[in-house]
Amino acid sequence: MIIESILMARAAANMVRETQLAIREVSGLHSHGGFGAAGNRARYSDSVASAVTLLDSLNKTLARQQKYADVCQARMLEDLH
């Protein structure tokens, strides 16, 4: 039981770290590219809108994952005692 709860807590923490990394990567998308011709400007705006949507989704996922990780950690600590 204790090994299972440790593995669950570790997996949950890894999910949180992976989502945090994805958020950092998406956050950097808006800083690349330029505002050259009008066509580039439109693509840049679309990229920013997509990045903002993805970032919002990742932040919501991160919040859910963090709650799950907290539950797993609490369960692990209960099993240790």
C-alpha atoms as a PDB file:
ATOM      1  CA  MET A   1       0.000   0.000   0.000  1.00  0.00           C
ATOM      2  CA  ILE A   2       2.748   2.461   0.905  1.00  0.00           C
ATOM      3  CA  ILE A   3       4.662   1.744  -2.290  1.00  0.00           C
ATOM      4  CA  GLU A   4       1.522   2.288  -4.350  1.00  0.00           C
ATOM      5  CA  SER A   5       0.809   5.626  -2.664  1.00  0.00           C
ATOM      6  CA  ILE A   6       4.421   6.746  -3.174  1.00  0.00           C
ATOM      7  CA  LEU A   7       4.254   5.818  -6.856  1.00  0.00           C
ATOM      8  CA  MET A   8       0.946   7.662  -7.263  1.00  0.00           C
ATOM      9  CA  ALA A   9       2.352  10.763  -5.562  1.00  0.00           C
ATOM     10  CA  ARG A  10       5.476  10.636  -7.742  1.00  0.00           C
ATOM     11  CA  ALA A  11       3.424  10.237 -10.934  1.00  0.00           C
ATOM     12  CA  ALA A  12       1.146  13.122  -9.935  1.00  0.00           C
ATOM     13  CA  ALA A  13       4.148  15.354  -9.239  1.00  0.00           C
ATOM     14  CA  ASN A  14       5.625  14.427 -12.629  1.00  0.00           C
ATOM     15  CA  MET A  15       2.362  15.386 -14.361  1.00  0.00           C
ATOM     16  CA  VAL A  16       2.451  18.771 -12.651  1.00  0.00           C
ATOM     17  CA  ARG A  17       6.066  19.346 -13.729  1.00  0.00           C
ATOM     18  CA  GLU A  18       5.303  18.368 -17.334  1.00  0.00           C
ATOM     19  CA  THR A  19       2.350  20.758 -17.470  1.00  0.00           C
ATOM     20  CA  GLN A  20       4.442  23.551 -15.949  1.00  0.00           C
ATOM     21  CA  LEU A  21       7.057  22.958 -18.666  1.00  0.00           C
ATOM     22  CA  ALA A  22       4.366  23.061 -21.361  1.00  0.00           C
ATOM     23  CA  ILE A  23       3.085  26.355 -19.916  1.00  0.00           C
ATOM     24  CA  ARG A  24       6.589  27.849 -20.062  1.00  0.00           C
ATOM     25  CA  GLU A  25       6.955  26.703 -23.674  1.00  0.00           C
ATOM     26  CA  VAL A  26       3.572  28.135 -24.710  1.00  0.00           C
ATOM     27  CA  SER A  27       4.256  31.364 -22.845  1.00  0.00           C
ATOM     28  CA  GLY A  28       7.357  31.856 -24.989  1.00  0.00           C
ATOM     29  CA  LEU A  29       5.470  31.482 -28.279  1.00  0.00           C
ATOM     30  CA  HIS A  30       4.169  35.037 -28.311  1.00  0.00           C
ATOM     31  CA  SER A  31       7.665  36.496 -28.137  1.00  0.00           C
ATOM     32  CA  HIS A  32       8.826  34.929 -31.416  1.00  0.00           C
ATOM     33  CA  GLY A  33       8.218  36.298 -34.881  1.00  0.00           C
ATOM     34  CA  GLY A  34       7.795  39.811 -36.093  1.00  0.00           C
ATOM     35  CA  PHE A  35       5.266  42.256 -37.428  1.00  0.00           C
ATOM     36  CA  GLY A  36       6.565  42.443 -41.034  1.00  0.00           C
ATOM     37  CA  ALA A  37       3.978  42.534 -43.813  1.00  0.00           C
ATOM     38  CA  ALA A  38       0.240  42.559 -43.200  1.00  0.00           C
ATOM     39  CA  GLY A  39       0.073  38.783 -43.812  1.00  0.00           C
ATOM     40  CA  ASN A  40       2.685  38.185 -41.133  1.00  0.00           C
ATOM     41  CA  ARG A  41       0.746  40.391 -38.765  1.00  0.00           C
ATOM     42  CA  ALA A  42      -2.405  38.292 -39.251  1.00  0.00           C
ATOM     43  CA  ARG A  43      -0.493  35.036 -38.673  1.00  0.00           C
ATOM     44  CA  TYR A  44       1.153  36.557 -35.595  1.00  0.00           C
ATOM     45  CA  SER A  45      -2.261  37.516 -34.169  1.00  0.00           C
ATOM     46  CA  ASP A  46      -3.609  34.020 -34.847  1.00  0.00           C
ATOM     47  CA  SER A  47      -0.569  32.486 -33.162  1.00  0.00           C
ATOM     48  CA  VAL A  48      -0.992  34.703 -30.115  1.00  0.00           C
ATOM     49  CA  ALA A  49      -4.708  33.896 -29.871  1.00  0.00           C
ATOM     50  CA  SER A  50      -3.955  30.185 -30.142  1.00  0.00           C
ATOM     51  CA  ALA A  51      -1.207  30.457 -27.542  1.00  0.00           C
ATOM     52  CA  VAL A  52      -3.505  32.333 -25.140  1.00  0.00           C
ATOM     53  CA  THR A  53      -6.230  29.702 -25.557  1.00  0.00           C
ATOM     54  CA  LEU A  54      -3.752  26.878 -25.038  1.00  0.00           C
ATOM     55  CA  LEU A  55      -2.201  28.652 -22.064  1.00  0.00           C
ATOM     56  CA  ASP A  56      -5.620  29.048 -20.432  1.00  0.00           C
ATOM     57  CA  SER A  57      -6.350  25.359 -20.965  1.00  0.00           C
ATOM     58  CA  LEU A  58      -2.962  24.334 -19.577  1.00  0.00           C
ATOM     59  CA  ASN A  59      -3.428  26.526 -16.499  1.00  0.00           C
ATOM     60  CA  LYS A  60      -6.788  24.875 -15.799  1.00  0.00           C
ATOM     61  CA  THR A  61      -5.214  21.452 -16.281  1.00  0.00           C
ATOM     62  CA  LEU A  62      -2.370  22.420 -13.970  1.00  0.00           C
ATOM     63  CA  ALA A  63      -4.819  23.475 -11.237  1.00  0.00           C
ATOM     64  CA  ARG A  64      -6.611  20.096 -11.460  1.00  0.00           C
ATOM     65  CA  GLN A  65      -3.327  18.203 -11.486  1.00  0.00           C
ATOM     66  CA  GLN A  66      -2.041  20.148  -8.487  1.00  0.00           C
ATOM     67  CA  LYS A  67      -5.173  19.265  -6.490  1.00  0.00           C
ATOM     68  CA  TYR A  68      -4.744  15.610  -7.438  1.00  0.00           C
ATOM     69  CA  ALA A  69      -1.036  15.731  -6.515  1.00  0.00           C
ATOM     70  CA  ASP A  70      -1.950  17.226  -3.136  1.00  0.00           C
ATOM     71  CA  VAL A  71      -4.439  14.404  -2.504  1.00  0.00           C
ATOM     72  CA  CYS A  72      -1.846  11.795  -3.506  1.00  0.00           C
ATOM     73  CA  GLN A  73       0.753  13.357  -1.242  1.00  0.00           C
ATOM     74  CA  ALA A  74      -1.665  13.461   1.696  1.00  0.00           C
ATOM     75  CA  ARG A  75      -2.573   9.806   1.106  1.00  0.00           C
ATOM     76  CA  MET A  76       1.107   8.899   0.978  1.00  0.00           C
ATOM     77  CA  LEU A  77       1.776  10.706   4.260  1.00  0.00           C
ATOM     78  CA  GLU A  78      -1.179   8.942   5.903  1.00  0.00           C
ATOM     79  CA  ASP A  79       0.195   5.587   4.757  1.00  0.00           C
ATOM     80  CA  LEU A  80       3.594   6.428   6.234  1.00  0.00           C
ATOM     81  CA  HIS A  81       2.121   6.862   9.698  1.00  0.00           C
END
